[in-house]
């Protein structure tokens, strides 16, 4: 997985605002090395089992693309959940405040 491949995969990201985050992931976690190690390990296992070597370009791109898509969806859902929890908190505080006023005045 080369940087140009990573950039091509980023075009699948539904949230353009976070593309910089994905580039930071590439740099911070050395994804090229991690992917290469994974491919090597799997091919060593396949060789030990008498299976043919696997060439990973399309498979890895699909896996990474799907991971990014799921991450983006989760990020959006977490933001929505956070907003909903803030609203519940505000409503609860307002209700408790009204109860306090009712019982103390």
PDB file of N, CA and C in Angstrom:
ATOM      1  N   UNK A   1       0.863  -1.173   0.000  1.00  0.00           N
ATOM      2  CA  UNK A   1       0.000   0.000   0.000  1.00  0.00           C
ATOM      3  C   UNK A   1       0.903   1.227   0.000  1.00  0.00           C
ATOM      4  N   UNK A   2       0.830   1.973  -1.070  1.00  0.00           N
ATOM      5  CA  UNK A   2       1.634   3.176  -1.199  1.00  0.00           C
ATOM      6  C   UNK A   2       0.804   4.399  -0.830  1.00  0.00           C
ATOM      7  N   UNK A   3       1.507   5.500  -0.612  1.00  0.00           N
ATOM      8  CA  UNK A   3       0.808   6.732  -0.244  1.00  0.00           C
ATOM      9  C   UNK A   3      -0.207   7.114  -1.323  1.00  0.00           C
ATOM     10  N   UNK A   4       0.134   6.936  -2.601  1.00  0.00           N
ATOM     11  CA  UNK A   4      -0.815   7.277  -3.674  1.00  0.00           C
ATOM     12  C   UNK A   4      -2.064   6.397  -3.597  1.00  0.00           C
ATOM     13  N   UNK A   5      -1.874   5.133  -3.200  1.00  0.00           N
ATOM     14  CA  UNK A   5      -3.021   4.233  -3.033  1.00  0.00           C
ATOM     15  C   UNK A   5      -3.895   4.701  -1.876  1.00  0.00           C
ATOM     16  N   UNK A   6      -3.234   5.075  -0.784  1.00  0.00           N
ATOM     17  CA  UNK A   6      -3.956   5.574   0.393  1.00  0.00           C
ATOM     18  C   UNK A   6      -4.774   6.807   0.014  1.00  0.00           C
ATOM     19  N   UNK A   7      -4.168   7.716  -0.756  1.00  0.00           N
ATOM     20  CA  UNK A   7      -4.883   8.927  -1.184  1.00  0.00           C
ATOM     21  C   UNK A   7      -6.079   8.567  -2.064  1.00  0.00           C
ATOM     22  N   UNK A   8      -5.917   7.564  -2.926  1.00  0.00           N
ATOM     23  CA  UNK A   8      -7.031   7.128  -3.777  1.00  0.00           C
ATOM     24  C   UNK A   8      -8.157   6.555  -2.928  1.00  0.00           C
ATOM     25  N   UNK A   9      -7.797   5.807  -1.901  1.00  0.00           N
ATOM     26  CA  UNK A   9      -8.805   5.232  -1.012  1.00  0.00           C
ATOM     27  C   UNK A   9      -9.527   6.337  -0.253  1.00  0.00           C
ATOM     28  N   UNK A  10      -8.814   7.398   0.092  1.00  0.00           N
ATOM     29  CA  UNK A  10      -9.418   8.502   0.835  1.00  0.00           C
ATOM     30  C   UNK A  10     -10.549   9.155   0.054  1.00  0.00           C
ATOM     31  N   UNK A  11     -10.500   9.052  -1.272  1.00  0.00           N
ATOM     32  CA  UNK A  11     -11.578   9.623  -2.077  1.00  0.00           C
ATOM     33  C   UNK A  11     -12.915   8.953  -1.794  1.00  0.00           C
ATOM     34  N   UNK A  12     -12.882   7.757  -1.188  1.00  0.00           N
ATOM     35  CA  UNK A  12     -14.117   7.055  -0.838  1.00  0.00           C
ATOM     36  C   UNK A  12     -14.700   7.573   0.471  1.00  0.00           C
ATOM     37  N   UNK A  13     -13.932   8.348   1.196  1.00  0.00           N
ATOM     38  CA  UNK A  13     -14.392   8.819   2.501  1.00  0.00           C
ATOM     39  C   UNK A  13     -15.616   9.711   2.342  1.00  0.00           C
ATOM     40  N   UNK A  14     -16.700   9.416   3.069  1.00  0.00           N
ATOM     41  CA  UNK A  14     -17.900  10.243   2.943  1.00  0.00           C
ATOM     42  C   UNK A  14     -17.764  11.605   3.610  1.00  0.00           C
ATOM     43  N   UNK A  15     -16.776  11.765   4.474  1.00  0.00           N
ATOM     44  CA  UNK A  15     -16.637  13.016   5.207  1.00  0.00           C
ATOM     45  C   UNK A  15     -15.329  13.688   4.813  1.00  0.00           C
ATOM     46  N   UNK A  16     -15.418  14.640   3.900  1.00  0.00           N
ATOM     47  CA  UNK A  16     -14.233  15.316   3.377  1.00  0.00           C
ATOM     48  C   UNK A  16     -13.477  16.053   4.477  1.00  0.00           C
ATOM     49  N   UNK A  17     -14.178  16.514   5.505  1.00  0.00           N
ATOM     50  CA  UNK A  17     -13.544  17.291   6.573  1.00  0.00           C
ATOM     51  C   UNK A  17     -12.488  16.504   7.336  1.00  0.00           C
ATOM     52  N   UNK A  18     -12.589  15.178   7.331  1.00  0.00           N
ATOM     53  CA  UNK A  18     -11.688  14.369   8.147  1.00  0.00           C
ATOM     54  C   UNK A  18     -10.571  13.699   7.357  1.00  0.00           C
ATOM     55  N   UNK A  19     -10.383  14.079   6.094  1.00  0.00           N
ATOM     56  CA  UNK A  19      -9.331  13.442   5.298  1.00  0.00           C
ATOM     57  C   UNK A  19      -7.959  13.673   5.909  1.00  0.00           C
ATOM     58  N   UNK A  20      -7.756  14.815   6.525  1.00  0.00           N
ATOM     59  CA  UNK A  20      -6.487  15.079   7.202  1.00  0.00           C
ATOM     60  C   UNK A  20      -6.243  14.116   8.346  1.00  0.00           C
ATOM     61  N   UNK A  21      -7.326  13.716   9.017  1.00  0.00           N
ATOM     62  CA  UNK A  21      -7.206  12.736  10.104  1.00  0.00           C
ATOM     63  C   UNK A  21      -6.684  11.414   9.572  1.00  0.00           C
ATOM     64  N   UNK A  22      -7.154  11.019   8.383  1.00  0.00           N
ATOM     65  CA  UNK A  22      -6.733   9.750   7.809  1.00  0.00           C
ATOM     66  C   UNK A  22      -5.267   9.803   7.388  1.00  0.00           C
ATOM     67  N   UNK A  23      -4.841  10.957   6.884  1.00  0.00           N
ATOM     68  CA  UNK A  23      -3.434  11.122   6.530  1.00  0.00           C
ATOM     69  C   UNK A  23      -2.572  11.023   7.783  1.00  0.00           C
ATOM     70  N   UNK A  24      -3.052  11.596   8.868  1.00  0.00           N
ATOM     71  CA  UNK A  24      -2.335  11.503  10.143  1.00  0.00           C
ATOM     72  C   UNK A  24      -2.264  10.049  10.613  1.00  0.00           C
ATOM     73  N   UNK A  25      -3.339   9.281  10.406  1.00  0.00           N
ATOM     74  CA  UNK A  25      -3.317   7.852  10.735  1.00  0.00           C
ATOM     75  C   UNK A  25      -2.224   7.135   9.952  1.00  0.00           C
ATOM     76  N   UNK A  26      -2.136   7.443   8.660  1.00  0.00           N
ATOM     77  CA  UNK A  26      -1.108   6.834   7.800  1.00  0.00           C
ATOM     78  C   UNK A  26       0.276   7.086   8.386  1.00  0.00           C
ATOM     79  N   UNK A  27       0.537   8.345   8.713  1.00  0.00           N
ATOM     80  CA  UNK A  27       1.863   8.725   9.202  1.00  0.00           C
ATOM     81  C   UNK A  27       2.151   8.194  10.602  1.00  0.00           C
ATOM     82  N   UNK A  28       1.198   8.322  11.504  1.00  0.00           N
ATOM     83  CA  UNK A  28       1.428   7.935  12.899  1.00  0.00           C
ATOM     84  C   UNK A  28       1.565   6.437  13.100  1.00  0.00           C
ATOM     85  N   UNK A  29       0.845   5.661  12.300  1.00  0.00           N
ATOM     86  CA  UNK A  29       0.819   4.213  12.519  1.00  0.00           C
ATOM     87  C   UNK A  29       1.601   3.430  11.473  1.00  0.00           C
ATOM     88  N   UNK A  30       2.293   4.142  10.589  1.00  0.00           N
ATOM     89  CA  UNK A  30       3.133   3.482   9.573  1.00  0.00           C
ATOM     90  C   UNK A  30       2.342   2.377   8.873  1.00  0.00           C
ATOM     91  N   UNK A  31       1.210   2.758   8.300  1.00  0.00           N
ATOM     92  CA  UNK A  31       0.306   1.772   7.713  1.00  0.00           C
ATOM     93  C   UNK A  31       0.943   0.980   6.584  1.00  0.00           C
ATOM     94  N   UNK A  32       1.854   1.606   5.836  1.00  0.00           N
ATOM     95  CA  UNK A  32       2.494   0.860   4.753  1.00  0.00           C
ATOM     96  C   UNK A  32       3.257  -0.338   5.297  1.00  0.00           C
ATOM     97  N   UNK A  33       3.968  -0.141   6.407  1.00  0.00           N
ATOM     98  CA  UNK A  33       4.724  -1.240   7.014  1.00  0.00           C
ATOM     99  C   UNK A  33       3.785  -2.282   7.621  1.00  0.00           C
ATOM    100  N   UNK A  34       2.715  -1.820   8.257  1.00  0.00           N
ATOM    101  CA  UNK A  34       1.765  -2.750   8.878  1.00  0.00           C
ATOM    102  C   UNK A  34       1.101  -3.628   7.825  1.00  0.00           C
ATOM    103  N   UNK A  35       0.711  -3.026   6.704  1.00  0.00           N
ATOM    104  CA  UNK A  35       0.076  -3.797   5.632  1.00  0.00           C
ATOM    105  C   UNK A  35       1.067  -4.792   5.044  1.00  0.00           C
ATOM    106  N   UNK A  36       2.290  -4.341   4.805  1.00  0.00           N
ATOM    107  CA  UNK A  36       3.300  -5.245   4.235  1.00  0.00           C
ATOM    108  C   UNK A  36       3.570  -6.423   5.168  1.00  0.00           C
ATOM    109  N   UNK A  37       3.667  -6.171   6.470  1.00  0.00           N
ATOM    110  CA  UNK A  37       3.894  -7.256   7.430  1.00  0.00           C
ATOM    111  C   UNK A  37       2.728  -8.230   7.442  1.00  0.00           C
ATOM    112  N   UNK A  38       1.509  -7.711   7.383  1.00  0.00           N
ATOM    113  CA  UNK A  38       0.329  -8.578   7.368  1.00  0.00           C
ATOM    114  C   UNK A  38       0.310  -9.449   6.121  1.00  0.00           C
ATOM    115  N   UNK A  39       0.606  -8.845   4.977  1.00  0.00           N
ATOM    116  CA  UNK A  39       0.633  -9.605   3.728  1.00  0.00           C
ATOM    117  C   UNK A  39       1.692 -10.700   3.788  1.00  0.00           C
ATOM    118  N   UNK A  40       2.861 -10.361   4.298  1.00  0.00           N
ATOM    119  CA  UNK A  40       3.951 -11.331   4.397  1.00  0.00           C
ATOM    120  C   UNK A  40       3.559 -12.488   5.309  1.00  0.00           C
ATOM    121  N   UNK A  41       2.987 -12.178   6.454  1.00  0.00           N
ATOM    122  CA  UNK A  41       2.586 -13.215   7.403  1.00  0.00           C
ATOM    123  C   UNK A  41       1.541 -14.152   6.790  1.00  0.00           C
ATOM    124  N   UNK A  42       0.533 -13.565   6.148  1.00  0.00           N
ATOM    125  CA  UNK A  42      -0.519 -14.391   5.545  1.00  0.00           C
ATOM    126  C   UNK A  42       0.051 -15.260   4.437  1.00  0.00           C
ATOM    127  N   UNK A  43       0.937 -14.704   3.623  1.00  0.00           N
ATOM    128  CA  UNK A  43       1.534 -15.506   2.550  1.00  0.00           C
ATOM    129  C   UNK A  43       2.431 -16.604   3.106  1.00  0.00           C
ATOM    130  N   UNK A  44       3.119 -16.346   4.221  1.00  0.00           N
ATOM    131  CA  UNK A  44       3.914 -17.411   4.851  1.00  0.00           C
ATOM    132  C   UNK A  44       3.004 -18.537   5.328  1.00  0.00           C
ATOM    133  N   UNK A  45       1.867 -18.178   5.911  1.00  0.00           N
ATOM    134  CA  UNK A  45       0.900 -19.200   6.351  1.00  0.00           C
ATOM    135  C   UNK A  45       0.354 -19.969   5.157  1.00  0.00           C
ATOM    136  N   UNK A  46       0.027 -19.264   4.085  1.00  0.00           N
ATOM    137  CA  UNK A  46      -0.491 -19.931   2.882  1.00  0.00           C
ATOM    138  C   UNK A  46       0.560 -20.877   2.309  1.00  0.00           C
ATOM    139  N   UNK A  47       1.808 -20.430   2.278  1.00  0.00           N
ATOM    140  CA  UNK A  47       2.892 -21.276   1.758  1.00  0.00           C
ATOM    141  C   UNK A  47       3.039 -22.529   2.617  1.00  0.00           C
ATOM    142  N   UNK A  48       2.988 -22.363   3.944  1.00  0.00           N
ATOM    143  CA  UNK A  48       3.125 -23.506   4.853  1.00  0.00           C
ATOM    144  C   UNK A  48       1.986 -24.507   4.661  1.00  0.00           C
ATOM    145  N   UNK A  49       0.823 -24.020   4.259  1.00  0.00           N
ATOM    146  CA  UNK A  49      -0.329 -24.895   4.030  1.00  0.00           C
ATOM    147  C   UNK A  49      -0.393 -25.430   2.600  1.00  0.00           C
ATOM    148  N   UNK A  50       0.592 -25.048   1.790  1.00  0.00           N
ATOM    149  CA  UNK A  50       0.623 -25.509   0.404  1.00  0.00           C
ATOM    150  C   UNK A  50      -0.294 -24.730  -0.519  1.00  0.00           C
ATOM    151  N   UNK A  51      -0.724 -23.562  -0.076  1.00  0.00           N
ATOM    152  CA  UNK A  51      -1.597 -22.725  -0.903  1.00  0.00           C
ATOM    153  C   UNK A  51      -0.759 -21.750  -1.716  1.00  0.00           C
ATOM    154  N   UNK A  52      -1.347 -21.225  -2.779  1.00  0.00           N
ATOM    155  CA  UNK A  52      -0.609 -20.277  -3.615  1.00  0.00           C
ATOM    156  C   UNK A  52      -0.481 -18.927  -2.910  1.00  0.00           C
ATOM    157  N   UNK A  53       0.499 -18.167  -3.382  1.00  0.00           N
ATOM    158  CA  UNK A  53       0.708 -16.824  -2.838  1.00  0.00           C
ATOM    159  C   UNK A  53      -0.475 -15.946  -3.233  1.00  0.00           C
ATOM    160  N   UNK A  54      -0.752 -14.973  -2.414  1.00  0.00           N
ATOM    161  CA  UNK A  54      -1.877 -14.076  -2.669  1.00  0.00           C
ATOM    162  C   UNK A  54      -1.317 -12.697  -3.003  1.00  0.00           C
ATOM    163  N   UNK A  55      -1.842 -12.090  -4.049  1.00  0.00           N
ATOM    164  CA  UNK A  55      -1.462 -10.729  -4.389  1.00  0.00           C
ATOM    165  C   UNK A  55      -2.581  -9.815  -3.909  1.00  0.00           C
ATOM    166  N   UNK A  56      -2.217  -8.795  -3.168  1.00  0.00           N
ATOM    167  CA  UNK A  56      -3.150  -8.133  -2.268  1.00  0.00           C
ATOM    168  C   UNK A  56      -3.703  -6.795  -2.714  1.00  0.00           C
ATOM    169  N   UNK A  57      -3.324  -6.321  -3.857  1.00  0.00           N
ATOM    170  CA  UNK A  57      -3.673  -4.933  -4.168  1.00  0.00           C
ATOM    171  C   UNK A  57      -5.170  -4.665  -4.007  1.00  0.00           C
ATOM    172  N   UNK A  58      -6.016  -5.381  -4.722  1.00  0.00           N
ATOM    173  CA  UNK A  58      -7.455  -5.110  -4.664  1.00  0.00           C
ATOM    174  C   UNK A  58      -8.034  -5.443  -3.292  1.00  0.00           C
ATOM    175  N   UNK A  59      -7.619  -6.562  -2.710  1.00  0.00           N
ATOM    176  CA  UNK A  59      -8.175  -6.977  -1.427  1.00  0.00           C
ATOM    177  C   UNK A  59      -7.863  -5.970  -0.330  1.00  0.00           C
ATOM    178  N   UNK A  60      -6.616  -5.550  -0.256  1.00  0.00           N
ATOM    179  CA  UNK A  60      -6.214  -4.597   0.787  1.00  0.00           C
ATOM    180  C   UNK A  60      -6.932  -3.266   0.590  1.00  0.00           C
ATOM    181  N   UNK A  61      -7.025  -2.811  -0.656  1.00  0.00           N
ATOM    182  CA  UNK A  61      -7.717  -1.547  -0.905  1.00  0.00           C
ATOM    183  C   UNK A  61      -9.164  -1.637  -0.444  1.00  0.00           C
ATOM    184  N   UNK A  62      -9.805  -2.757  -0.728  1.00  0.00           N
ATOM    185  CA  UNK A  62     -11.208  -2.934  -0.338  1.00  0.00           C
ATOM    186  C   UNK A  62     -11.347  -2.964   1.184  1.00  0.00           C
ATOM    187  N   UNK A  63     -10.449  -3.671   1.848  1.00  0.00           N
ATOM    188  CA  UNK A  63     -10.482  -3.756   3.314  1.00  0.00           C
ATOM    189  C   UNK A  63     -10.281  -2.377   3.934  1.00  0.00           C
ATOM    190  N   UNK A  64      -9.274  -1.664   3.459  1.00  0.00           N
ATOM    191  CA  UNK A  64      -8.988  -0.334   4.012  1.00  0.00           C
ATOM    192  C   UNK A  64     -10.138   0.622   3.715  1.00  0.00           C
ATOM    193  N   UNK A  65     -10.655   0.563   2.488  1.00  0.00           N
ATOM    194  CA  UNK A  65     -11.783   1.430   2.122  1.00  0.00           C
ATOM    195  C   UNK A  65     -12.978   1.160   3.032  1.00  0.00           C
ATOM    196  N   UNK A  66     -13.308  -0.108   3.233  1.00  0.00           N
ATOM    197  CA  UNK A  66     -14.443  -0.455   4.095  1.00  0.00           C
ATOM    198  C   UNK A  66     -14.207  -0.018   5.532  1.00  0.00           C
ATOM    199  N   UNK A  67     -12.972  -0.155   5.996  1.00  0.00           N
ATOM    200  CA  UNK A  67     -12.636   0.282   7.356  1.00  0.00           C
ATOM    201  C   UNK A  67     -12.850   1.784   7.501  1.00  0.00           C
ATOM    202  N   UNK A  68     -12.415   2.534   6.511  1.00  0.00           N
ATOM    203  CA  UNK A  68     -12.572   3.989   6.542  1.00  0.00           C
ATOM    204  C   UNK A  68     -14.047   4.371   6.510  1.00  0.00           C
ATOM    205  N   UNK A  69     -14.809   3.682   5.665  1.00  0.00           N
ATOM    206  CA  UNK A  69     -16.239   3.972   5.575  1.00  0.00           C
ATOM    207  C   UNK A  69     -16.927   3.710   6.917  1.00  0.00           C
ATOM    208  N   UNK A  70     -16.610   2.580   7.541  1.00  0.00           N
ATOM    209  CA  UNK A  70     -17.216   2.251   8.834  1.00  0.00           C
ATOM    210  C   UNK A  70     -16.777   3.240   9.910  1.00  0.00           C
ATOM    211  N   UNK A  71     -15.492   3.623   9.889  1.00  0.00           N
ATOM    212  CA  UNK A  71     -14.985   4.598  10.853  1.00  0.00           C
ATOM    213  C   UNK A  71     -15.728   5.929  10.705  1.00  0.00           C
ATOM    214  N   UNK A  72     -15.926   6.349   9.455  1.00  0.00           N
ATOM    215  CA  UNK A  72     -16.623   7.615   9.209  1.00  0.00           C
ATOM    216  C   UNK A  72     -18.060   7.554   9.705  1.00  0.00           C
ATOM    217  N   UNK A  73     -18.732   6.436   9.434  1.00  0.00           N
ATOM    218  CA  UNK A  73     -20.114   6.276   9.901  1.00  0.00           C
ATOM    219  C   UNK A  73     -20.176   6.288  11.424  1.00  0.00           C
ATOM    220  N   UNK A  74     -19.243   5.583  12.063  1.00  0.00           N
ATOM    221  CA  UNK A  74     -19.216   5.551  13.528  1.00  0.00           C
ATOM    222  C   UNK A  74     -18.952   6.929  14.107  1.00  0.00           C
ATOM    223  N   UNK A  75     -18.054   7.659  13.470  1.00  0.00           N
ATOM    224  CA  UNK A  75     -17.733   9.003  13.945  1.00  0.00           C
ATOM    225  C   UNK A  75     -18.973   9.898  13.896  1.00  0.00           C
ATOM    226  N   UNK A  76     -19.729   9.805  12.811  1.00  0.00           N
ATOM    227  CA  UNK A  76     -20.954  10.601  12.677  1.00  0.00           C
ATOM    228  C   UNK A  76     -21.970  10.176  13.732  1.00  0.00           C
ATOM    229  N   UNK A  77     -22.150   8.858  13.896  1.00  0.00           N
ATOM    230  CA  UNK A  77     -23.120   8.355  14.873  1.00  0.00           C
ATOM    231  C   UNK A  77     -22.723   8.729  16.297  1.00  0.00           C
ATOM    232  N   UNK A  78     -21.439   8.705  16.589  1.00  0.00           N
ATOM    233  CA  UNK A  78     -20.978   9.112  17.926  1.00  0.00           C
ATOM    234  C   UNK A  78     -21.256  10.592  18.156  1.00  0.00           C
ATOM    235  N   UNK A  79     -21.074  11.404  17.130  1.00  0.00           N
ATOM    236  CA  UNK A  79     -21.399  12.822  17.241  1.00  0.00           C
ATOM    237  C   UNK A  79     -22.883  13.036  17.490  1.00  0.00           C
ATOM    238  N   UNK A  80     -23.716  12.286  16.756  1.00  0.00           N
ATOM    239  CA  UNK A  80     -25.167  12.375  16.960  1.00  0.00           C
ATOM    240  C   UNK A  80     -25.547  11.936  18.369  1.00  0.00           C
ATOM    241  N   UNK A  81     -24.947  10.838  18.826  1.00  0.00           N
ATOM    242  CA  UNK A  81     -25.229  10.338  20.174  1.00  0.00           C
ATOM    243  C   UNK A  81     -24.804  11.355  21.228  1.00  0.00           C
ATOM    244  N   UNK A  82     -23.649  11.958  21.031  1.00  0.00           N
ATOM    245  CA  UNK A  82     -23.159  12.970  21.961  1.00  0.00           C
ATOM    246  C   UNK A  82     -24.125  14.157  22.024  1.00  0.00           C
ATOM    247  N   UNK A  83     -24.617  14.588  20.867  1.00  0.00           N
ATOM    248  CA  UNK A  83     -25.585  15.693  20.837  1.00  0.00           C
ATOM    249  C   UNK A  83     -26.869  15.313  21.566  1.00  0.00           C
ATOM    250  N   UNK A  84     -27.344  14.085  21.333  1.00  0.00           N
ATOM    251  CA  UNK A  84     -28.570  13.626  21.996  1.00  0.00           C
ATOM    252  C   UNK A  84     -28.383  13.565  23.510  1.00  0.00           C
ATOM    253  N   UNK A  85     -27.225  13.092  23.953  1.00  0.00           N
ATOM    254  CA  UNK A  85     -26.956  13.021  25.392  1.00  0.00           C
ATOM    255  C   UNK A  85     -26.897  14.412  26.020  1.00  0.00           C
ATOM    256  N   UNK A  86     -26.358  15.378  25.289  1.00  0.00           N
ATOM    257  CA  UNK A  86     -26.335  16.756  25.790  1.00  0.00           C
ATOM    258  C   UNK A  86     -27.757  17.289  25.954  1.00  0.00           C
ATOM    259  N   UNK A  87     -28.614  16.976  24.987  1.00  0.00           N
ATOM    260  CA  UNK A  87     -30.003  17.430  25.072  1.00  0.00           C
ATOM    261  C   UNK A  87     -30.722  16.784  26.250  1.00  0.00           C
ATOM    262  N   UNK A  88     -30.493  15.487  26.451  1.00  0.00           N
ATOM    263  CA  UNK A  88     -31.108  14.791  27.584  1.00  0.00           C
ATOM    264  C   UNK A  88     -30.627  15.409  28.889  1.00  0.00           C
ATOM    265  N   UNK A  89     -29.345  15.688  28.976  1.00  0.00           N
ATOM    266  CA  UNK A  89     -28.782  16.295  30.190  1.00  0.00           C
ATOM    267  C   UNK A  89     -29.420  17.653  30.453  1.00  0.00           C
ATOM    268  N   UNK A  90     -29.511  18.478  29.411  1.00  0.00           N
ATOM    269  CA  UNK A  90     -30.107  19.801  29.581  1.00  0.00           C
ATOM    270  C   UNK A  90     -31.570  19.700  30.002  1.00  0.00           C
ATOM    271  N   UNK A  91     -32.302  18.784  29.379  1.00  0.00           N
ATOM    272  CA  UNK A  91     -33.717  18.598  29.740  1.00  0.00           C
ATOM    273  C   UNK A  91     -33.855  18.125  31.175  1.00  0.00           C
ATOM    274  N   UNK A  92     -32.993  17.207  31.580  1.00  0.00           N
ATOM    275  CA  UNK A  92     -33.032  16.685  32.950  1.00  0.00           C
ATOM    276  C   UNK A  92     -32.718  17.782  33.952  1.00  0.00           C
ATOM    277  N   UNK A  93     -31.693  18.578  33.673  1.00  0.00           N
ATOM    278  CA  UNK A  93     -31.348  19.680  34.575  1.00  0.00           C
ATOM    279  C   UNK A  93     -32.487  20.692  34.668  1.00  0.00           C
ATOM    280  N   UNK A  94     -33.100  20.982  33.537  1.00  0.00           N
ATOM    281  CA  UNK A  94     -34.228  21.920  33.538  1.00  0.00           C
ATOM    282  C   UNK A  94     -35.380  21.364  34.374  1.00  0.00           C
ATOM    283  N   UNK A  95     -35.687  20.082  34.207  1.00  0.00           N
ATOM    284  CA  UNK A  95     -36.764  19.437  34.960  1.00  0.00           C
ATOM    285  C   UNK A  95     -36.457  19.451  36.456  1.00  0.00           C
ATOM    286  N   UNK A  96     -35.234  19.114  36.825  1.00  0.00           N
ATOM    287  CA  UNK A  96     -34.850  19.109  38.240  1.00  0.00           C
ATOM    288  C   UNK A  96     -34.921  20.514  38.831  1.00  0.00           C
ATOM    289  N   UNK A  97     -34.526  21.496  38.052  1.00  0.00           N
ATOM    290  CA  UNK A  97     -34.604  22.884  38.501  1.00  0.00           C
ATOM    291  C   UNK A  97     -36.064  23.284  38.750  1.00  0.00           C
ATOM    292  N   UNK A  98     -36.958  22.888  37.850  1.00  0.00           N
ATOM    293  CA  UNK A  98     -38.383  23.185  38.015  1.00  0.00           C
ATOM    294  C   UNK A  98     -38.942  22.500  39.260  1.00  0.00           C
ATOM    295  N   UNK A  99     -38.535  21.255  39.504  1.00  0.00           N
ATOM    296  CA  UNK A  99     -38.979  20.550  40.710  1.00  0.00           C
ATOM    297  C   UNK A  99     -38.488  21.253  41.967  1.00  0.00           C
ATOM    298  N   UNK A 100     -37.248  21.694  41.947  1.00  0.00           N
ATOM    299  CA  UNK A 100     -36.674  22.399  43.092  1.00  0.00           C
ATOM    300  C   UNK A 100     -37.483  23.657  43.390  1.00  0.00           C
ATOM    301  N   UNK A 101     -37.761  24.429  42.338  1.00  0.00           N
ATOM    302  CA  UNK A 101     -38.532  25.661  42.514  1.00  0.00           C
ATOM    303  C   UNK A 101     -39.924  25.343  43.056  1.00  0.00           C
ATOM    304  N   UNK A 102     -40.559  24.326  42.515  1.00  0.00           N
ATOM    305  CA  UNK A 102     -41.914  23.956  42.925  1.00  0.00           C
ATOM    306  C   UNK A 102     -41.974  23.577  44.401  1.00  0.00           C
ATOM    307  N   UNK A 103     -41.009  22.789  44.865  1.00  0.00           N
ATOM    308  CA  UNK A 103     -41.061  22.289  46.240  1.00  0.00           C
ATOM    309  C   UNK A 103     -40.461  23.245  47.266  1.00  0.00           C
ATOM    310  N   UNK A 104     -39.735  24.245  46.830  1.00  0.00           N
ATOM    311  CA  UNK A 104     -39.102  25.147  47.788  1.00  0.00           C
ATOM    312  C   UNK A 104     -39.733  26.536  47.835  1.00  0.00           C
ATOM    313  N   UNK A 105     -40.731  26.781  47.033  1.00  0.00           N
ATOM    314  CA  UNK A 105     -41.357  28.108  47.078  1.00  0.00           C
ATOM    315  C   UNK A 105     -42.823  28.020  47.284  1.00  0.00           C
TER     316      UNK A 105
END
